[in-house]
Structures are given as structure tokens and as C-alpha cells.
Amino acid sequence: GGSRRGIVVSTLAEARFFAAGGFDDILYAYPLPGARLEDCA
């Protein structure tokens, strides 16, 4: 609805894509990958 909030992604690449597009509330719907912790942080 134009809010750019409350989306769910399955990859960090998708999260970065939407973040770059102004989305500010993103759930990364994959169990926390320890190897990608810095990207998540």
C-alpha cells in the first residue's frame, strides 16, 4: 500500500535490493546463517 514496510524475503540479496529501494521493515525468512551474520548486522 505504498508503505514499503512489512515485507518478507528469502535471500540477503533480496533484502539489500529492497533496502536500496527504500523498504525499511524487512523479515529475512531463513534461519539465521552464522556465516552471513555481518551482512545481517
ModelCIF file with pLDDT and N, C-alpha, C, O atoms, coordinates in Angstrom:
data_MODEL
#
_entry.id   MODEL 
#
_entity.id                         1 
_entity.type                       polymer 
_entity.pdbx_number_of_molecules   1 
#
_entity_poly.entity_id                      1 
_entity_poly.type                           'polypeptide(L)' 
_entity_poly.nstd_linkage                   no 
_entity_poly.nstd_monomer                   no 
_entity_poly.pdbx_seq_one_letter_code       GGSRRGIVVSTLAEARFFAAGGFDDILYAYPLPGARLEDCA 
_entity_poly.pdbx_seq_one_letter_code_can   GGSRRGIVVSTLAEARFFAAGGFDDILYAYPLPGARLEDCA 
_entity_poly.pdbx_strand_id                 A 
#
loop_
_entity_poly_seq.entity_id 
_entity_poly_seq.num 
_entity_poly_seq.mon_id 
_entity_poly_seq.hetero 
1 1  GLY n 
1 2  GLY n 
1 3  SER n 
1 4  ARG n 
1 5  ARG n 
1 6  GLY n 
1 7  ILE n 
1 8  VAL n 
1 9  VAL n 
1 10 SER n 
1 11 THR n 
1 12 LEU n 
1 13 ALA n 
1 14 GLU n 
1 15 ALA n 
1 16 ARG n 
1 17 PHE n 
1 18 PHE n 
1 19 ALA n 
1 20 ALA n 
1 21 GLY n 
1 22 GLY n 
1 23 PHE n 
1 24 ASP n 
1 25 ASP n 
1 26 ILE n 
1 27 LEU n 
1 28 TYR n 
1 29 ALA n 
1 30 TYR n 
1 31 PRO n 
1 32 LEU n 
1 33 PRO n 
1 34 GLY n 
1 35 ALA n 
1 36 ARG n 
1 37 LEU n 
1 38 GLU n 
1 39 ASP n 
1 40 CYS n 
1 41 ALA n 
#
_struct_asym.id          A 
_struct_asym.entity_id   1 
#
loop_
_ma_qa_metric.id 
_ma_qa_metric.mode 
_ma_qa_metric.name 
_ma_qa_metric.software_group_id 
_ma_qa_metric.type 
1 global pLDDT . pLDDT 
2 local  pLDDT . pLDDT 
#
_ma_qa_metric_global.metric_id      1 
_ma_qa_metric_global.metric_value   93.37 
_ma_qa_metric_global.model_id       1 
_ma_qa_metric_global.ordinal_id     1 
#
loop_
_ma_qa_metric_local.label_asym_id 
_ma_qa_metric_local.label_comp_id 
_ma_qa_metric_local.label_seq_id 
_ma_qa_metric_local.metric_id 
_ma_qa_metric_local.metric_value 
_ma_qa_metric_local.model_id 
_ma_qa_metric_local.ordinal_id 
A GLY 1  2 93.00 1 1  
A GLY 2  2 92.00 1 2  
A SER 3  2 93.00 1 3  
A ARG 4  2 92.00 1 4  
A ARG 5  2 93.00 1 5  
A GLY 6  2 93.00 1 6  
A ILE 7  2 95.00 1 7  
A VAL 8  2 95.00 1 8  
A VAL 9  2 96.00 1 9  
A SER 10 2 93.00 1 10 
A THR 11 2 95.00 1 11 
A LEU 12 2 96.00 1 12 
A ALA 13 2 96.00 1 13 
A GLU 14 2 96.00 1 14 
A ALA 15 2 97.00 1 15 
A ARG 16 2 97.00 1 16 
A PHE 17 2 96.00 1 17 
A PHE 18 2 96.00 1 18 
A ALA 19 2 97.00 1 19 
A ALA 20 2 96.00 1 20 
A GLY 21 2 94.00 1 21 
A GLY 22 2 94.00 1 22 
A PHE 23 2 96.00 1 23 
A ASP 24 2 95.00 1 24 
A ASP 25 2 96.00 1 25 
A ILE 26 2 97.00 1 26 
A LEU 27 2 97.00 1 27 
A TYR 28 2 96.00 1 28 
A ALA 29 2 92.00 1 29 
A TYR 30 2 89.00 1 30 
A PRO 31 2 88.00 1 31 
A LEU 32 2 86.00 1 32 
A PRO 33 2 78.00 1 33 
A GLY 34 2 80.00 1 34 
A ALA 35 2 87.00 1 35 
A ARG 36 2 91.00 1 36 
A LEU 37 2 94.00 1 37 
A GLU 38 2 94.00 1 38 
A ASP 39 2 95.00 1 39 
A CYS 40 2 96.00 1 40 
A ALA 41 2 96.00 1 41 
#
loop_
_atom_site.group_PDB 
_atom_site.id 
_atom_site.type_symbol 
_atom_site.label_atom_id 
_atom_site.label_alt_id 
_atom_site.label_comp_id 
_atom_site.label_asym_id 
_atom_site.label_entity_id 
_atom_site.label_seq_id 
_atom_site.pdbx_PDB_ins_code 
_atom_site.Cartn_x 
_atom_site.Cartn_y 
_atom_site.Cartn_z 
_atom_site.occupancy 
_atom_site.B_iso_or_equiv 
_atom_site.pdbx_formal_charge 
_atom_site.auth_seq_id 
_atom_site.auth_comp_id 
_atom_site.auth_asym_id 
_atom_site.auth_atom_id 
_atom_site.pdbx_PDB_model_num 
ATOM 1   N N  . GLY A 1 1  ? 0.818  -1.217  0.000  1.00 93.00 ? 1  GLY A N  1 
ATOM 2   C CA . GLY A 1 1  ? 0.000  0.000   0.000  1.00 93.00 ? 1  GLY A CA 1 
ATOM 3   C C  . GLY A 1 1  ? 0.848  1.261   0.000  1.00 93.00 ? 1  GLY A C  1 
ATOM 4   O O  . GLY A 1 1  ? 0.411  2.310   0.473  1.00 93.00 ? 1  GLY A O  1 
ATOM 5   N N  . GLY A 1 2  ? 2.069  1.160   -0.533 1.00 92.00 ? 2  GLY A N  1 
ATOM 6   C CA . GLY A 1 2  ? 2.965  2.297   -0.594 1.00 92.00 ? 2  GLY A CA 1 
ATOM 7   C C  . GLY A 1 2  ? 3.772  2.534   0.666  1.00 92.00 ? 2  GLY A C  1 
ATOM 8   O O  . GLY A 1 2  ? 4.600  3.444   0.704  1.00 92.00 ? 2  GLY A O  1 
ATOM 9   N N  . SER A 1 3  ? 3.548  1.726   1.710  1.00 93.00 ? 3  SER A N  1 
ATOM 10  C CA . SER A 1 3  ? 4.256  1.947   2.978  1.00 93.00 ? 3  SER A CA 1 
ATOM 11  C C  . SER A 1 3  ? 5.712  1.498   2.920  1.00 93.00 ? 3  SER A C  1 
ATOM 12  O O  . SER A 1 3  ? 6.550  1.976   3.684  1.00 93.00 ? 3  SER A O  1 
ATOM 13  N N  . ARG A 1 4  ? 6.005  0.569   2.000  1.00 92.00 ? 4  ARG A N  1 
ATOM 14  C CA . ARG A 1 4  ? 7.340  -0.014  1.902  1.00 92.00 ? 4  ARG A CA 1 
ATOM 15  C C  . ARG A 1 4  ? 7.778  -0.635  3.233  1.00 92.00 ? 4  ARG A C  1 
ATOM 16  O O  . ARG A 1 4  ? 8.946  -0.555  3.615  1.00 92.00 ? 4  ARG A O  1 
ATOM 17  N N  . ARG A 1 5  ? 6.828  -1.248  3.924  1.00 93.00 ? 5  ARG A N  1 
ATOM 18  C CA . ARG A 1 5  ? 7.094  -1.882  5.222  1.00 93.00 ? 5  ARG A CA 1 
ATOM 19  C C  . ARG A 1 5  ? 6.435  -3.257  5.245  1.00 93.00 ? 5  ARG A C  1 
ATOM 20  O O  . ARG A 1 5  ? 5.462  -3.520  4.538  1.00 93.00 ? 5  ARG A O  1 
ATOM 21  N N  . GLY A 1 6  ? 7.002  -4.125  6.086  1.00 93.00 ? 6  GLY A N  1 
ATOM 22  C CA . GLY A 1 6  ? 6.378  -5.414  6.343  1.00 93.00 ? 6  GLY A CA 1 
ATOM 23  C C  . GLY A 1 6  ? 6.524  -6.420  5.223  1.00 93.00 ? 6  GLY A C  1 
ATOM 24  O O  . GLY A 1 6  ? 5.580  -7.154  4.929  1.00 93.00 ? 6  GLY A O  1 
ATOM 25  N N  . ILE A 1 7  ? 7.695  -6.471  4.585  1.00 95.00 ? 7  ILE A N  1 
ATOM 26  C CA . ILE A 1 7  ? 7.890  -7.467  3.537  1.00 95.00 ? 7  ILE A CA 1 
ATOM 27  C C  . ILE A 1 7  ? 8.754  -8.612  4.060  1.00 95.00 ? 7  ILE A C  1 
ATOM 28  O O  . ILE A 1 7  ? 9.471  -8.476  5.051  1.00 95.00 ? 7  ILE A O  1 
ATOM 29  N N  . VAL A 1 8  ? 8.663  -9.736  3.366  1.00 95.00 ? 8  VAL A N  1 
ATOM 30  C CA . VAL A 1 8  ? 9.414  -10.937 3.714  1.00 95.00 ? 8  VAL A CA 1 
ATOM 31  C C  . VAL A 1 8  ? 10.259 -11.315 2.504  1.00 95.00 ? 8  VAL A C  1 
ATOM 32  O O  . VAL A 1 8  ? 9.770  -11.352 1.375  1.00 95.00 ? 8  VAL A O  1 
ATOM 33  N N  . VAL A 1 9  ? 11.543 -11.597 2.758  1.00 96.00 ? 9  VAL A N  1 
ATOM 34  C CA . VAL A 1 9  ? 12.442 -12.024 1.683  1.00 96.00 ? 9  VAL A CA 1 
ATOM 35  C C  . VAL A 1 9  ? 13.091 -13.346 2.073  1.00 96.00 ? 9  VAL A C  1 
ATOM 36  O O  . VAL A 1 9  ? 13.146 -13.703 3.250  1.00 96.00 ? 9  VAL A O  1 
ATOM 37  N N  . SER A 1 10 ? 13.580 -14.062 1.073  1.00 93.00 ? 10 SER A N  1 
ATOM 38  C CA . SER A 1 10 ? 14.215 -15.345 1.368  1.00 93.00 ? 10 SER A CA 1 
ATOM 39  C C  . SER A 1 10 ? 15.723 -15.329 1.157  1.00 93.00 ? 10 SER A C  1 
ATOM 40  O O  . SER A 1 10 ? 16.398 -16.315 1.455  1.00 93.00 ? 10 SER A O  1 
ATOM 41  N N  . THR A 1 11 ? 16.263 -14.220 0.645  1.00 95.00 ? 11 THR A N  1 
ATOM 42  C CA . THR A 1 11 ? 17.711 -14.118 0.479  1.00 95.00 ? 11 THR A CA 1 
ATOM 43  C C  . THR A 1 11 ? 18.179 -12.738 0.941  1.00 95.00 ? 11 THR A C  1 
ATOM 44  O O  . THR A 1 11 ? 17.411 -11.777 0.973  1.00 95.00 ? 11 THR A O  1 
ATOM 45  N N  . LEU A 1 12 ? 19.458 -12.673 1.295  1.00 96.00 ? 12 LEU A N  1 
ATOM 46  C CA . LEU A 1 12 ? 20.015 -11.371 1.672  1.00 96.00 ? 12 LEU A CA 1 
ATOM 47  C C  . LEU A 1 12 ? 20.150 -10.457 0.464  1.00 96.00 ? 12 LEU A C  1 
ATOM 48  O O  . LEU A 1 12 ? 20.094 -9.236  0.610  1.00 96.00 ? 12 LEU A O  1 
ATOM 49  N N  . ALA A 1 13 ? 20.324 -11.020 -0.719 1.00 96.00 ? 13 ALA A N  1 
ATOM 50  C CA . ALA A 1 13 ? 20.363 -10.203 -1.934 1.00 96.00 ? 13 ALA A CA 1 
ATOM 51  C C  . ALA A 1 13 ? 19.027 -9.483  -2.119 1.00 96.00 ? 13 ALA A C  1 
ATOM 52  O O  . ALA A 1 13 ? 18.997 -8.305  -2.476 1.00 96.00 ? 13 ALA A O  1 
ATOM 53  N N  . GLU A 1 14 ? 17.928 -10.188 -1.876 1.00 96.00 ? 14 GLU A N  1 
ATOM 54  C CA . GLU A 1 14 ? 16.611 -9.549  -1.957 1.00 96.00 ? 14 GLU A CA 1 
ATOM 55  C C  . GLU A 1 14 ? 16.479 -8.457  -0.897 1.00 96.00 ? 14 GLU A C  1 
ATOM 56  O O  . GLU A 1 14 ? 15.956 -7.378  -1.176 1.00 96.00 ? 14 GLU A O  1 
ATOM 57  N N  . ALA A 1 15 ? 16.951 -8.734  0.311  1.00 97.00 ? 15 ALA A N  1 
ATOM 58  C CA . ALA A 1 15 ? 16.879 -7.744  1.386  1.00 97.00 ? 15 ALA A CA 1 
ATOM 59  C C  . ALA A 1 15 ? 17.637 -6.479  0.998  1.00 97.00 ? 15 ALA A C  1 
ATOM 60  O O  . ALA A 1 15 ? 17.130 -5.371  1.176  1.00 97.00 ? 15 ALA A O  1 
ATOM 61  N N  . ARG A 1 16 ? 18.841 -6.637  0.471  1.00 97.00 ? 16 ARG A N  1 
ATOM 62  C CA . ARG A 1 16 ? 19.625 -5.473  0.054  1.00 97.00 ? 16 ARG A CA 1 
ATOM 63  C C  . ARG A 1 16 ? 18.946 -4.724  -1.082 1.00 97.00 ? 16 ARG A C  1 
ATOM 64  O O  . ARG A 1 16 ? 18.952 -3.493  -1.105 1.00 97.00 ? 16 ARG A O  1 
ATOM 65  N N  . PHE A 1 17 ? 18.358 -5.457  -2.028 1.00 96.00 ? 17 PHE A N  1 
ATOM 66  C CA . PHE A 1 17 ? 17.645 -4.837  -3.148 1.00 96.00 ? 17 PHE A CA 1 
ATOM 67  C C  . PHE A 1 17 ? 16.499 -3.970  -2.646 1.00 96.00 ? 17 PHE A C  1 
ATOM 68  O O  . PHE A 1 17 ? 16.363 -2.815  -3.049 1.00 96.00 ? 17 PHE A O  1 
ATOM 69  N N  . PHE A 1 18 ? 15.677 -4.530  -1.766 1.00 96.00 ? 18 PHE A N  1 
ATOM 70  C CA . PHE A 1 18 ? 14.534 -3.766  -1.263 1.00 96.00 ? 18 PHE A CA 1 
ATOM 71  C C  . PHE A 1 18 ? 14.974 -2.619  -0.347 1.00 96.00 ? 18 PHE A C  1 
ATOM 72  O O  . PHE A 1 18 ? 14.372 -1.546  -0.361 1.00 96.00 ? 18 PHE A O  1 
ATOM 73  N N  . ALA A 1 19 ? 16.015 -2.846  0.442  1.00 97.00 ? 19 ALA A N  1 
ATOM 74  C CA . ALA A 1 19 ? 16.532 -1.768  1.295  1.00 97.00 ? 19 ALA A CA 1 
ATOM 75  C C  . ALA A 1 19 ? 17.011 -0.602  0.438  1.00 97.00 ? 19 ALA A C  1 
ATOM 76  O O  . ALA A 1 19 ? 16.762 0.558   0.769  1.00 97.00 ? 19 ALA A O  1 
ATOM 77  N N  . ALA A 1 20 ? 17.694 -0.902  -0.655 1.00 96.00 ? 20 ALA A N  1 
ATOM 78  C CA . ALA A 1 20 ? 18.158 0.154   -1.562 1.00 96.00 ? 20 ALA A CA 1 
ATOM 79  C C  . ALA A 1 20 ? 16.995 0.888   -2.213 1.00 96.00 ? 20 ALA A C  1 
ATOM 80  O O  . ALA A 1 20 ? 17.130 2.037   -2.635 1.00 96.00 ? 20 ALA A O  1 
ATOM 81  N N  . GLY A 1 21 ? 15.846 0.212   -2.292 1.00 94.00 ? 21 GLY A N  1 
ATOM 82  C CA . GLY A 1 21 ? 14.651 0.815   -2.881 1.00 94.00 ? 21 GLY A CA 1 
ATOM 83  C C  . GLY A 1 21 ? 13.772 1.525   -1.866 1.00 94.00 ? 21 GLY A C  1 
ATOM 84  O O  . GLY A 1 21 ? 12.650 1.920   -2.184 1.00 94.00 ? 21 GLY A O  1 
ATOM 85  N N  . GLY A 1 22 ? 14.271 1.692   -0.646 1.00 94.00 ? 22 GLY A N  1 
ATOM 86  C CA . GLY A 1 22 ? 13.536 2.459   0.351  1.00 94.00 ? 22 GLY A CA 1 
ATOM 87  C C  . GLY A 1 22 ? 12.663 1.638   1.294  1.00 94.00 ? 22 GLY A C  1 
ATOM 88  O O  . GLY A 1 22 ? 11.937 2.214   2.105  1.00 94.00 ? 22 GLY A O  1 
ATOM 89  N N  . PHE A 1 23 ? 12.712 0.313   1.211  1.00 96.00 ? 23 PHE A N  1 
ATOM 90  C CA . PHE A 1 23 ? 11.951 -0.515  2.144  1.00 96.00 ? 23 PHE A CA 1 
ATOM 91  C C  . PHE A 1 23 ? 12.707 -0.550  3.471  1.00 96.00 ? 23 PHE A C  1 
ATOM 92  O O  . PHE A 1 23 ? 13.925 -0.727  3.499  1.00 96.00 ? 23 PHE A O  1 
ATOM 93  N N  . ASP A 1 24 ? 11.964 -0.379  4.575  1.00 95.00 ? 24 ASP A N  1 
ATOM 94  C CA . ASP A 1 24 ? 12.612 -0.167  5.866  1.00 95.00 ? 24 ASP A CA 1 
ATOM 95  C C  . ASP A 1 24 ? 12.180 -1.151  6.946  1.00 95.00 ? 24 ASP A C  1 
ATOM 96  O O  . ASP A 1 24 ? 12.552 -0.989  8.108  1.00 95.00 ? 24 ASP A O  1 
ATOM 97  N N  . ASP A 1 25 ? 11.403 -2.166  6.583  1.00 96.00 ? 25 ASP A N  1 
ATOM 98  C CA . ASP A 1 25 ? 10.915 -3.166  7.528  1.00 96.00 ? 25 ASP A CA 1 
ATOM 99  C C  . ASP A 1 25 ? 10.891 -4.500  6.794  1.00 96.00 ? 25 ASP A C  1 
ATOM 100 O O  . ASP A 1 25 ? 9.937  -4.811  6.080  1.00 96.00 ? 25 ASP A O  1 
ATOM 101 N N  . ILE A 1 26 ? 11.955 -5.289  6.977  1.00 97.00 ? 26 ILE A N  1 
ATOM 102 C CA . ILE A 1 26 ? 12.158 -6.497  6.187  1.00 97.00 ? 26 ILE A CA 1 
ATOM 103 C C  . ILE A 1 26 ? 12.428 -7.678  7.114  1.00 97.00 ? 26 ILE A C  1 
ATOM 104 O O  . ILE A 1 26 ? 13.264 -7.601  8.014  1.00 97.00 ? 26 ILE A O  1 
ATOM 105 N N  . LEU A 1 27 ? 11.705 -8.769  6.875  1.00 97.00 ? 27 LEU A N  1 
ATOM 106 C CA . LEU A 1 27 ? 11.970 -10.028 7.568  1.00 97.00 ? 27 LEU A CA 1 
ATOM 107 C C  . LEU A 1 27 ? 12.732 -10.940 6.623  1.00 97.00 ? 27 LEU A C  1 
ATOM 108 O O  . LEU A 1 27 ? 12.269 -11.253 5.526  1.00 97.00 ? 27 LEU A O  1 
ATOM 109 N N  . TYR A 1 28 ? 13.911 -11.362 7.070  1.00 96.00 ? 28 TYR A N  1 
ATOM 110 C CA . TYR A 1 28 ? 14.711 -12.333 6.327  1.00 96.00 ? 28 TYR A CA 1 
ATOM 111 C C  . TYR A 1 28 ? 14.250 -13.714 6.786  1.00 96.00 ? 28 TYR A C  1 
ATOM 112 O O  . TYR A 1 28 ? 14.643 -14.186 7.853  1.00 96.00 ? 28 TYR A O  1 
ATOM 113 N N  . ALA A 1 29 ? 13.422 -14.349 5.978  1.00 92.00 ? 29 ALA A N  1 
ATOM 114 C CA . ALA A 1 29 ? 12.736 -15.576 6.371  1.00 92.00 ? 29 ALA A CA 1 
ATOM 115 C C  . ALA A 1 29 ? 13.538 -16.829 6.048  1.00 92.00 ? 29 ALA A C  1 
ATOM 116 O O  . ALA A 1 29 ? 13.107 -17.713 5.307  1.00 92.00 ? 29 ALA A O  1 
ATOM 117 N N  . TYR A 1 30 ? 14.715 -16.859 6.637  1.00 89.00 ? 30 TYR A N  1 
ATOM 118 C CA . TYR A 1 30 ? 15.577 -18.029 6.542  1.00 89.00 ? 30 TYR A CA 1 
ATOM 119 C C  . TYR A 1 30 ? 16.322 -18.111 7.869  1.00 89.00 ? 30 TYR A C  1 
ATOM 120 O O  . TYR A 1 30 ? 16.839 -17.097 8.337  1.00 89.00 ? 30 TYR A O  1 
ATOM 121 N N  . PRO A 1 31 ? 16.391 -19.291 8.490  1.00 88.00 ? 31 PRO A N  1 
ATOM 122 C CA . PRO A 1 31 ? 17.069 -19.357 9.790  1.00 88.00 ? 31 PRO A CA 1 
ATOM 123 C C  . PRO A 1 31 ? 18.462 -18.732 9.743  1.00 88.00 ? 31 PRO A C  1 
ATOM 124 O O  . PRO A 1 31 ? 19.226 -18.951 8.803  1.00 88.00 ? 31 PRO A O  1 
ATOM 125 N N  . LEU A 1 32 ? 18.766 -17.965 10.758 1.00 86.00 ? 32 LEU A N  1 
ATOM 126 C CA . LEU A 1 32 ? 19.985 -17.170 10.812 1.00 86.00 ? 32 LEU A CA 1 
ATOM 127 C C  . LEU A 1 32 ? 21.209 -17.953 10.355 1.00 86.00 ? 32 LEU A C  1 
ATOM 128 O O  . LEU A 1 32 ? 21.582 -18.947 10.978 1.00 86.00 ? 32 LEU A O  1 
ATOM 129 N N  . PRO A 1 33 ? 21.836 -17.506 9.269  1.00 78.00 ? 33 PRO A N  1 
ATOM 130 C CA . PRO A 1 33 ? 23.065 -18.161 8.821  1.00 78.00 ? 33 PRO A CA 1 
ATOM 131 C C  . PRO A 1 33 ? 24.270 -17.491 9.485  1.00 78.00 ? 33 PRO A C  1 
ATOM 132 O O  . PRO A 1 33 ? 24.564 -16.327 9.211  1.00 78.00 ? 33 PRO A O  1 
ATOM 133 N N  . GLY A 1 34 ? 24.953 -18.213 10.340 1.00 80.00 ? 34 GLY A N  1 
ATOM 134 C CA . GLY A 1 34 ? 26.091 -17.653 11.055 1.00 80.00 ? 34 GLY A CA 1 
ATOM 135 C C  . GLY A 1 34 ? 27.148 -17.062 10.143 1.00 80.00 ? 34 GLY A C  1 
ATOM 136 O O  . GLY A 1 34 ? 27.780 -16.062 10.485 1.00 80.00 ? 34 GLY A O  1 
ATOM 137 N N  . ALA A 1 35 ? 27.345 -17.676 8.980  1.00 87.00 ? 35 ALA A N  1 
ATOM 138 C CA . ALA A 1 35 ? 28.365 -17.191 8.058  1.00 87.00 ? 35 ALA A CA 1 
ATOM 139 C C  . ALA A 1 35 ? 27.997 -15.837 7.455  1.00 87.00 ? 35 ALA A C  1 
ATOM 140 O O  . ALA A 1 35 ? 28.861 -15.139 6.925  1.00 87.00 ? 35 ALA A O  1 
ATOM 141 N N  . ARG A 1 36 ? 26.736 -15.467 7.531  1.00 91.00 ? 36 ARG A N  1 
ATOM 142 C CA . ARG A 1 36 ? 26.275 -14.201 6.943  1.00 91.00 ? 36 ARG A CA 1 
ATOM 143 C C  . ARG A 1 36 ? 25.877 -13.192 8.014  1.00 91.00 ? 36 ARG A C  1 
ATOM 144 O O  . ARG A 1 36 ? 25.150 -12.238 7.734  1.00 91.00 ? 36 ARG A O  1 
ATOM 145 N N  . LEU A 1 37 ? 26.350 -13.401 9.233  1.00 94.00 ? 37 LEU A N  1 
ATOM 146 C CA . LEU A 1 37 ? 25.968 -12.530 10.347 1.00 94.00 ? 37 LEU A CA 1 
ATOM 147 C C  . LEU A 1 37 ? 26.334 -11.073 10.089 1.00 94.00 ? 37 LEU A C  1 
ATOM 148 O O  . LEU A 1 37 ? 25.546 -10.179 10.402 1.00 94.00 ? 37 LEU A O  1 
ATOM 149 N N  . GLU A 1 38 ? 27.507 -10.818 9.529  1.00 94.00 ? 38 GLU A N  1 
ATOM 150 C CA . GLU A 1 38 ? 27.926 -9.438  9.271  1.00 94.00 ? 38 GLU A CA 1 
ATOM 151 C C  . GLU A 1 38 ? 26.987 -8.754  8.279  1.00 94.00 ? 38 GLU A C  1 
ATOM 152 O O  . GLU A 1 38 ? 26.682 -7.571  8.430  1.00 94.00 ? 38 GLU A O  1 
ATOM 153 N N  . ASP A 1 39 ? 26.526 -9.494  7.262  1.00 95.00 ? 39 ASP A N  1 
ATOM 154 C CA . ASP A 1 39 ? 25.562 -8.930  6.312  1.00 95.00 ? 39 ASP A CA 1 
ATOM 155 C C  . ASP A 1 39 ? 24.244 -8.595  7.013  1.00 95.00 ? 39 ASP A C  1 
ATOM 156 O O  . ASP A 1 39 ? 23.645 -7.547  6.770  1.00 95.00 ? 39 ASP A O  1 
ATOM 157 N N  . CYS A 1 40 ? 23.810 -9.500  7.879  1.00 96.00 ? 40 CYS A N  1 
ATOM 158 C CA . CYS A 1 40 ? 22.574 -9.260  8.643  1.00 96.00 ? 40 CYS A CA 1 
ATOM 159 C C  . CYS A 1 40 ? 22.742 -8.048  9.558  1.00 96.00 ? 40 CYS A C  1 
ATOM 160 O O  . CYS A 1 40 ? 21.833 -7.226  9.668  1.00 96.00 ? 40 CYS A O  1 
ATOM 161 N N  . ALA A 1 41 ? 23.894 -7.934  10.214 1.00 96.00 ? 41 ALA A N  1 
ATOM 162 C CA . ALA A 1 41 ? 24.143 -6.810  11.117 1.00 96.00 ? 41 ALA A CA 1 
ATOM 163 C C  . ALA A 1 41 ? 24.135 -5.490  10.354 1.00 96.00 ? 41 ALA A C  1 
ATOM 164 O O  . ALA A 1 41 ? 24.328 -4.430  10.951 1.00 96.00 ? 41 ALA A O  1 
#
